[in-house]
Amino acid sequence: MASVTFKNVTKKFGLNEVLHDVSLQIADQEFLVLVGPSGCGKSTLLRMLAGLEETTEGEIHIGDRLVNHLPPRSREIAMVFQDYALYPHMTVAENMSFGLRLKGIDLGEIDRRVLKAANILHIEPLLRRTPRQLSGGQRQRVAIGRAIVREPKVFLFDEPLSNLDAKLREEMRIEIAKLHQKLATTIIYVTHDQVEAMTLASRIAVVNAGQIQQVGAPTEVFGRPENVFVAGFIGSPTMNFIEGELARAGGGLRFKTAGVDVPVMGGPAGGPPSSLDRSGTPAVLGVRPEAIHIDRGDAPADGAVPAEVEVVELLGYRKNVHLKVGAAGAKVLASVGAAEGSEPGEKVSLRFDPAGLHLFEKATGRRIR
């Protein structure tokens, strides 16, 4: 197995620069997920590592080897694509072994590798079938098996589950996680689905507009997002954002805007006193939907926010309650238990759990620490 290093990597297509000075270190046997919206550059980064795209500037290392000028076959990687890319006239076994046969590997060794991969992926009964006789999930297993038999140093996955339905995606996520545990190999996985990123990754690298916004463990990226983009992209339902400014009050710091006045640092909500010098700073308050509590009837507590219920979505064990808050009518979403009895048009007050609050500079989008 091997580590992977991107060092000051830039990629241009003509005058269009799609990756900007990217540096990233992926440890041996790590499962790193590159996540971001379509067009952010994450697949291009993967294709550059695979040797399918040339690097405009910078260096890419696999282990101790600089691989910028090596052809794909010499990089000891295996890539699993979104569209399976199976040969329709070949059986499953033939598809899995095709690359090995081109290399002239001994037939006995080929059979050993194919059977081992089929056993890992539970596709032994499918080895004599052709792709048209397989389901989408089975085809994806075959594509993964074709990668396994090559015994690469690094596995690359480029949105491998996006063509599957929701149930199959969930099943294949579990299979890929098990595969990493069994093979103990380095995996770099590209997706735009933050649920895949959170459930699979050892670490997540969030990419936007050709730059890495944050790298960290899933709990770190979710719990302490570095900027507004990361905060809004990671988490489902997505984080709520309210624009206002910070004000010093009662030995602490409060966030204020029309109809919203909540403690955020120092004072009752806790927090570092050094943050108090930010009084008057235009800011964005981020609130996770699960950190919003809905009250009705009693006198509102300090920091409670008046709101009106607009839409209620029942999701089985949870409800999404869409609300309009404050005089400016900012839109927020609360994720609450199914027993919550809010109705459209109802006047309520909201309490924000301090542990679920995040502050960002309005001008830069960066986290206020």
Protein backbone atom coordinates (compact mmCIF):
# COMPACT_ATOMS: atom_id res chain seq x y z
CA MET A 1 0.00 0.00 0.00
CA ALA A 2 1.08 3.65 -0.24
CA SER A 3 0.45 7.22 0.78
CA VAL A 4 -0.54 9.91 -1.76
CA THR A 5 0.68 13.49 -1.85
CA PHE A 6 -0.58 16.42 -3.91
CA LYS A 7 1.90 19.31 -3.73
CA ASN A 8 0.86 22.74 -5.07
CA VAL A 9 -1.14 21.13 -7.87
CA THR A 10 -2.80 23.36 -10.47
CA LYS A 11 -4.85 22.27 -13.48
CA LYS A 12 -5.80 24.44 -16.43
CA PHE A 13 -7.92 23.69 -19.47
CA GLY A 14 -6.78 26.43 -21.81
CA LEU A 15 -7.30 29.68 -19.91
CA ASN A 16 -9.72 28.06 -17.46
CA GLU A 17 -7.99 27.18 -14.17
CA VAL A 18 -10.10 24.46 -12.51
CA LEU A 19 -7.73 23.56 -9.64
CA HIS A 20 -5.77 26.21 -7.77
CA ASP A 21 -2.55 25.33 -5.91
CA VAL A 22 -3.97 22.22 -4.19
CA SER A 23 -1.85 20.54 -1.49
CA LEU A 24 -3.10 17.42 0.28
CA GLN A 25 -1.50 14.49 2.12
CA ILE A 26 -3.32 11.12 2.24
CA ALA A 27 -1.84 8.55 4.62
CA ASP A 28 -1.21 4.89 3.84
CA GLN A 29 -4.42 2.82 4.37
CA GLU A 30 -6.53 5.96 4.83
CA PHE A 31 -10.06 6.29 3.41
CA LEU A 32 -10.21 9.88 2.19
CA VAL A 33 -13.37 11.28 0.59
CA LEU A 34 -13.24 14.28 -1.74
CA VAL A 35 -16.67 15.89 -1.52
CA GLY A 36 -18.10 18.96 -3.17
CA PRO A 37 -20.66 20.20 -5.72
CA SER A 38 -20.58 19.29 -9.39
CA GLY A 39 -17.87 21.14 -11.27
CA CYS A 40 -15.72 21.90 -8.20
CA GLY A 41 -12.67 19.97 -9.51
CA LYS A 42 -12.75 16.86 -7.33
CA SER A 43 -12.99 14.35 -10.22
CA THR A 44 -10.28 16.22 -12.12
CA LEU A 45 -7.99 15.81 -9.10
CA LEU A 46 -8.71 12.07 -9.07
CA ARG A 47 -8.12 11.75 -12.83
CA MET A 48 -4.79 13.56 -12.49
CA LEU A 49 -3.73 11.05 -9.83
CA ALA A 50 -4.80 8.21 -12.14
CA GLY A 51 -2.80 9.68 -15.04
CA LEU A 52 -5.89 10.35 -17.16
CA GLU A 53 -5.27 14.12 -17.04
CA GLU A 54 -1.93 15.92 -17.18
CA THR A 55 -0.84 18.13 -14.29
CA THR A 56 -0.35 21.76 -15.33
CA GLU A 57 1.75 22.65 -12.27
CA GLY A 58 2.82 20.93 -9.05
CA GLU A 59 3.73 17.39 -8.07
CA ILE A 60 1.82 14.17 -7.38
CA HIS A 61 3.52 11.40 -5.38
CA ILE A 62 2.36 7.83 -4.75
CA GLY A 63 4.48 6.64 -1.87
CA ASP A 64 7.97 7.98 -2.52
CA ARG A 65 7.55 8.09 -6.33
CA LEU A 66 6.86 11.23 -8.34
CA VAL A 67 4.24 10.04 -10.86
CA ASN A 68 3.49 13.18 -12.91
CA HIS A 69 5.05 11.73 -16.06
CA LEU A 70 4.26 8.04 -15.53
CA PRO A 71 1.53 6.43 -17.69
CA PRO A 72 -1.57 5.13 -15.83
CA ARG A 73 -0.45 1.48 -16.08
CA SER A 74 2.75 2.29 -14.19
CA ARG A 75 1.14 4.06 -11.24
CA GLU A 76 -0.11 0.92 -9.42
CA ILE A 77 -3.60 2.32 -8.98
CA ALA A 78 -7.06 0.97 -9.86
CA MET A 79 -10.05 3.16 -10.63
CA VAL A 80 -13.77 2.42 -10.30
CA PHE A 81 -15.93 4.66 -12.49
CA GLN A 82 -19.49 5.88 -12.19
CA ASP A 83 -20.70 4.04 -15.32
CA TYR A 84 -19.15 0.58 -14.56
CA ALA A 85 -17.42 0.42 -18.02
CA LEU A 86 -17.90 -3.35 -18.40
CA TYR A 87 -17.45 -5.16 -21.72
CA PRO A 88 -20.97 -6.37 -22.67
CA HIS A 89 -19.80 -9.46 -24.63
CA MET A 90 -17.60 -10.80 -21.79
CA THR A 91 -18.63 -12.78 -18.74
CA VAL A 92 -18.13 -11.39 -15.24
CA ALA A 93 -14.99 -13.49 -14.81
CA GLU A 94 -13.63 -12.30 -18.17
CA ASN A 95 -14.34 -8.66 -17.31
CA MET A 96 -12.56 -9.00 -13.99
CA SER A 97 -9.53 -10.75 -15.46
CA PHE A 98 -9.16 -8.77 -18.70
CA GLY A 99 -6.45 -6.40 -17.47
CA LEU A 100 -4.47 -9.28 -15.96
CA ARG A 101 -4.61 -11.26 -19.21
CA LEU A 102 -3.30 -8.24 -21.14
CA LYS A 103 -0.32 -8.17 -18.77
CA GLY A 104 0.39 -11.84 -19.48
CA ILE A 105 -0.05 -12.96 -15.87
CA ASP A 106 -0.13 -16.73 -15.30
CA LEU A 107 -3.63 -18.18 -15.74
CA GLY A 108 -3.52 -19.95 -12.39
CA GLU A 109 -2.71 -16.66 -10.66
CA ILE A 110 -5.52 -14.94 -12.55
CA ASP A 111 -8.03 -17.57 -11.42
CA ARG A 112 -6.82 -17.23 -7.82
CA ARG A 113 -7.26 -13.44 -7.84
CA VAL A 114 -10.68 -13.55 -9.54
CA LEU A 115 -12.04 -16.13 -7.09
CA LYS A 116 -10.63 -14.20 -4.12
CA ALA A 117 -12.25 -10.95 -5.28
CA ALA A 118 -15.54 -12.70 -6.06
CA ASN A 119 -15.54 -14.19 -2.56
CA ILE A 120 -14.93 -10.78 -0.95
CA LEU A 121 -17.78 -9.22 -2.97
CA HIS A 122 -20.15 -12.23 -2.77
CA ILE A 123 -20.47 -12.56 -6.55
CA GLU A 124 -19.20 -16.14 -7.04
CA PRO A 125 -22.56 -17.29 -8.57
CA LEU A 126 -22.35 -14.47 -11.15
CA LEU A 127 -18.97 -15.30 -12.70
CA ARG A 128 -20.45 -16.95 -15.83
CA ARG A 129 -23.05 -14.23 -16.47
CA THR A 130 -22.72 -11.28 -18.83
CA PRO A 131 -23.35 -7.66 -17.69
CA ARG A 132 -26.84 -7.53 -19.24
CA GLN A 133 -27.88 -10.32 -16.85
CA LEU A 134 -26.89 -8.28 -13.78
CA SER A 135 -28.58 -5.60 -11.69
CA GLY A 136 -26.98 -2.18 -11.22
CA GLY A 137 -25.63 -3.14 -7.83
CA GLN A 138 -24.16 -6.39 -9.18
CA ARG A 139 -22.48 -4.53 -12.06
CA GLN A 140 -20.90 -2.13 -9.59
CA ARG A 141 -19.57 -5.08 -7.58
CA VAL A 142 -18.02 -6.49 -10.76
CA ALA A 143 -16.37 -3.13 -11.48
CA ILE A 144 -14.96 -3.09 -7.95
CA GLY A 145 -13.83 -6.71 -8.37
CA ARG A 146 -11.97 -5.78 -11.55
CA ALA A 147 -10.09 -3.19 -9.48
CA ILE A 148 -9.37 -5.62 -6.61
CA VAL A 149 -7.75 -8.28 -8.82
CA ARG A 150 -5.08 -5.80 -9.88
CA GLU A 151 -3.90 -5.62 -6.24
CA PRO A 152 -3.10 -1.91 -6.54
CA LYS A 153 -1.44 0.35 -4.00
CA VAL A 154 -4.30 2.87 -4.21
CA PHE A 155 -8.00 2.48 -5.06
CA LEU A 156 -9.76 5.41 -6.72
CA PHE A 157 -13.58 5.65 -6.72
CA ASP A 158 -15.23 8.30 -8.92
CA GLU A 159 -18.87 8.68 -7.76
CA PRO A 160 -19.42 4.91 -8.02
CA LEU A 161 -22.91 4.89 -6.48
CA SER A 162 -24.60 7.79 -8.26
CA ASN A 163 -26.38 5.52 -10.79
CA LEU A 164 -27.96 3.34 -8.08
CA ASP A 165 -31.29 3.82 -6.32
CA ALA A 166 -31.39 4.91 -2.67
CA LYS A 167 -31.61 1.39 -1.19
CA LEU A 168 -28.77 0.05 -3.33
CA ARG A 169 -26.60 3.08 -2.50
CA GLU A 170 -27.04 2.33 1.19
CA GLU A 171 -26.14 -1.34 0.69
CA MET A 172 -23.08 -0.52 -1.44
CA ARG A 173 -21.85 2.07 1.08
CA ILE A 174 -21.73 -0.72 3.65
CA GLU A 175 -19.97 -3.06 1.20
CA ILE A 176 -17.32 -0.45 0.36
CA ALA A 177 -16.71 0.23 4.07
CA LYS A 178 -16.27 -3.52 4.65
CA LEU A 179 -13.96 -3.71 1.65
CA HIS A 180 -11.67 -1.08 3.16
CA GLN A 181 -11.55 -3.01 6.43
CA LYS A 182 -10.70 -6.29 4.68
CA LEU A 183 -8.09 -4.95 2.27
CA ALA A 184 -6.56 -2.31 4.61
CA THR A 185 -5.62 -0.27 1.56
CA THR A 186 -5.55 3.42 0.63
CA ILE A 187 -8.86 4.57 -0.86
CA ILE A 188 -9.62 7.97 -2.39
CA TYR A 189 -13.33 8.37 -3.05
CA VAL A 190 -15.04 11.20 -4.94
CA THR A 191 -18.69 12.10 -4.35
CA HIS A 192 -21.06 15.05 -4.25
CA ASP A 193 -23.18 13.23 -1.64
CA GLN A 194 -22.28 14.45 1.85
CA VAL A 195 -24.03 11.43 3.43
CA GLU A 196 -21.58 9.12 1.62
CA ALA A 197 -18.72 11.33 2.77
CA MET A 198 -19.81 11.32 6.43
CA THR A 199 -20.47 7.58 6.61
CA LEU A 200 -17.43 6.27 4.71
CA ALA A 201 -14.50 8.59 5.34
CA SER A 202 -11.60 8.43 7.75
CA ARG A 203 -11.12 12.05 6.69
CA ILE A 204 -13.09 14.38 4.43
CA ALA A 205 -11.65 16.98 2.08
CA VAL A 206 -14.32 19.52 1.13
CA VAL A 207 -13.68 21.03 -2.30
CA ASN A 208 -15.26 24.12 -3.86
CA ALA A 209 -14.30 26.17 -6.92
CA GLY A 210 -11.03 24.29 -7.37
CA GLN A 211 -9.78 24.77 -3.81
CA ILE A 212 -9.82 22.60 -0.69
CA GLN A 213 -11.95 24.38 1.91
CA GLN A 214 -11.34 22.06 4.86
CA VAL A 215 -9.79 18.67 5.64
CA GLY A 216 -10.62 16.71 8.77
CA ALA A 217 -12.44 13.81 10.38
CA PRO A 218 -16.19 13.75 9.67
CA THR A 219 -17.02 14.81 13.24
CA GLU A 220 -14.59 17.73 12.99
CA VAL A 221 -15.86 18.97 9.64
CA PHE A 222 -19.48 18.70 10.82
CA GLY A 223 -18.89 20.13 14.30
CA ARG A 224 -16.41 22.92 13.48
CA PRO A 225 -16.82 23.99 9.84
CA GLU A 226 -14.12 26.43 8.73
CA ASN A 227 -16.42 28.61 6.62
CA VAL A 228 -19.96 29.20 5.45
CA PHE A 229 -19.57 26.92 2.42
CA VAL A 230 -18.47 23.91 4.48
CA ALA A 231 -21.16 24.60 7.08
CA GLY A 232 -23.87 24.69 4.42
CA PHE A 233 -22.61 21.71 2.44
CA ILE A 234 -22.01 19.21 5.26
CA GLY A 235 -25.12 18.22 7.19
CA SER A 236 -28.60 17.09 6.23
CA PRO A 237 -30.87 19.01 6.52
CA THR A 238 -28.50 21.86 5.72
CA MET A 239 -27.49 24.49 8.28
CA ASN A 240 -29.62 27.63 8.68
CA PHE A 241 -27.94 31.03 8.19
CA ILE A 242 -29.12 34.38 9.58
CA GLU A 243 -27.30 37.65 8.82
CA GLY A 244 -26.80 40.29 11.53
CA GLU A 245 -24.02 41.69 13.72
CA LEU A 246 -22.30 41.00 17.01
CA ALA A 247 -22.94 43.23 20.05
CA ARG A 248 -21.35 43.30 23.49
CA ALA A 249 -23.87 42.97 26.31
CA GLY A 250 -23.78 41.88 29.98
CA GLY A 251 -20.17 40.70 29.93
CA GLY A 252 -20.82 38.54 26.89
CA LEU A 253 -21.38 38.70 23.15
CA ARG A 254 -24.76 38.54 21.46
CA PHE A 255 -25.88 38.13 17.87
CA LYS A 256 -28.51 40.65 16.83
CA THR A 257 -30.67 41.34 13.81
CA ALA A 258 -34.30 42.38 13.35
CA GLY A 259 -36.28 40.25 15.82
CA VAL A 260 -33.32 38.01 16.74
CA ASP A 261 -31.19 38.59 19.83
CA VAL A 262 -29.33 35.57 21.19
CA PRO A 263 -26.22 35.08 23.38
CA VAL A 264 -23.39 33.47 21.42
CA MET A 265 -20.10 33.94 23.34
CA GLY A 266 -19.15 34.79 26.89
CA GLY A 267 -21.91 35.45 29.41
CA PRO A 268 -24.64 32.78 29.67
CA ALA A 269 -23.66 30.84 26.56
CA GLY A 270 -19.99 30.44 27.50
CA GLY A 271 -17.06 31.07 25.18
CA PRO A 272 -13.66 32.74 25.06
CA PRO A 273 -13.45 36.33 26.42
CA SER A 274 -11.05 37.19 23.57
CA SER A 275 -14.03 37.09 21.21
CA LEU A 276 -15.59 40.12 22.91
CA ASP A 277 -13.50 42.55 20.87
CA ARG A 278 -15.56 41.59 17.81
CA SER A 279 -18.52 43.71 18.95
CA GLY A 280 -20.04 45.51 15.97
CA THR A 281 -18.72 42.97 13.44
CA PRO A 282 -21.20 42.04 10.67
CA ALA A 283 -21.69 38.30 11.08
CA VAL A 284 -23.62 35.26 9.94
CA LEU A 285 -25.18 33.01 12.58
CA GLY A 286 -25.29 29.34 11.60
CA VAL A 287 -27.80 27.10 13.38
CA ARG A 288 -28.10 23.36 12.81
CA PRO A 289 -31.77 22.32 12.31
CA GLU A 290 -31.48 19.79 15.14
CA ALA A 291 -30.28 22.57 17.50
CA ILE A 292 -33.61 24.45 17.27
CA HIS A 293 -36.27 23.86 19.97
CA ILE A 294 -39.85 25.03 19.44
CA ASP A 295 -41.75 26.54 22.40
CA ARG A 296 -45.34 27.75 22.62
CA GLY A 297 -47.63 29.26 25.24
CA ASP A 298 -45.27 30.27 28.07
CA ALA A 299 -43.34 33.55 28.26
CA PRO A 300 -40.23 33.21 26.06
CA ALA A 301 -36.85 32.78 27.76
CA ASP A 302 -33.84 35.02 27.21
CA GLY A 303 -32.62 34.61 23.65
CA ALA A 304 -35.91 33.10 22.40
CA VAL A 305 -36.75 34.08 18.82
CA PRO A 306 -40.34 34.79 17.69
CA ALA A 307 -41.33 32.76 14.65
CA GLU A 308 -44.23 31.65 12.50
CA VAL A 309 -44.68 28.10 11.18
CA GLU A 310 -44.99 27.97 7.39
CA VAL A 311 -44.75 24.29 6.34
CA VAL A 312 -44.44 21.00 8.25
CA GLU A 313 -42.93 17.91 6.57
CA LEU A 314 -43.42 14.53 8.24
CA LEU A 315 -40.44 12.21 7.62
CA GLY A 316 -41.50 9.25 9.75
CA TYR A 317 -39.63 9.51 13.05
CA ARG A 318 -38.78 13.20 12.46
CA LYS A 319 -40.44 16.35 11.19
CA ASN A 320 -38.96 19.25 9.26
CA VAL A 321 -40.64 22.47 10.39
CA HIS A 322 -40.10 25.45 8.08
CA LEU A 323 -40.38 28.77 9.92
CA LYS A 324 -40.20 32.50 9.31
CA VAL A 325 -38.30 34.28 12.09
CA GLY A 326 -37.81 37.87 13.23
CA ALA A 327 -39.06 41.11 11.72
CA ALA A 328 -37.06 40.52 8.54
CA GLY A 329 -38.75 37.15 7.96
CA ALA A 330 -35.59 35.06 7.69
CA LYS A 331 -36.30 31.44 6.72
CA VAL A 332 -35.12 28.64 9.03
CA LEU A 333 -35.75 24.91 9.25
CA ALA A 334 -36.04 22.97 12.51
CA SER A 335 -35.62 19.20 12.65
CA VAL A 336 -37.78 17.92 15.52
CA GLY A 337 -39.40 14.74 16.80
CA ALA A 338 -42.45 13.35 15.03
CA ALA A 339 -44.62 14.11 18.08
CA GLU A 340 -44.00 17.86 17.69
CA GLY A 341 -47.42 19.41 17.09
CA SER A 342 -46.65 22.56 15.11
CA GLU A 343 -49.21 23.65 12.51
CA PRO A 344 -48.84 26.07 9.56
CA GLY A 345 -49.65 29.65 10.61
CA GLU A 346 -48.94 29.02 14.32
CA LYS A 347 -46.97 31.64 16.27
CA VAL A 348 -44.15 30.08 18.31
CA SER A 349 -40.82 30.97 19.86
CA LEU A 350 -37.53 29.25 19.13
CA ARG A 351 -34.61 28.43 21.41
CA PHE A 352 -31.20 27.72 19.92
CA ASP A 353 -28.99 25.14 21.62
CA PRO A 354 -25.66 26.97 22.18
CA ALA A 355 -23.75 23.81 21.20
CA GLY A 356 -25.34 23.99 17.75
CA LEU A 357 -24.47 27.64 17.02
CA HIS A 358 -21.71 28.71 14.65
CA LEU A 359 -20.50 32.23 13.87
CA PHE A 360 -18.94 33.39 10.61
CA GLU A 361 -17.60 36.70 9.37
CA LYS A 362 -20.05 38.15 6.86
CA ALA A 363 -17.30 39.68 4.70
CA THR A 364 -15.09 36.59 4.32
CA GLY A 365 -17.34 33.68 5.32
CA ARG A 366 -14.63 32.42 7.71
CA ARG A 367 -15.42 30.94 11.08
CA ILE A 368 -15.21 33.27 14.11
CA ARG A 369 -13.33 31.38 16.81
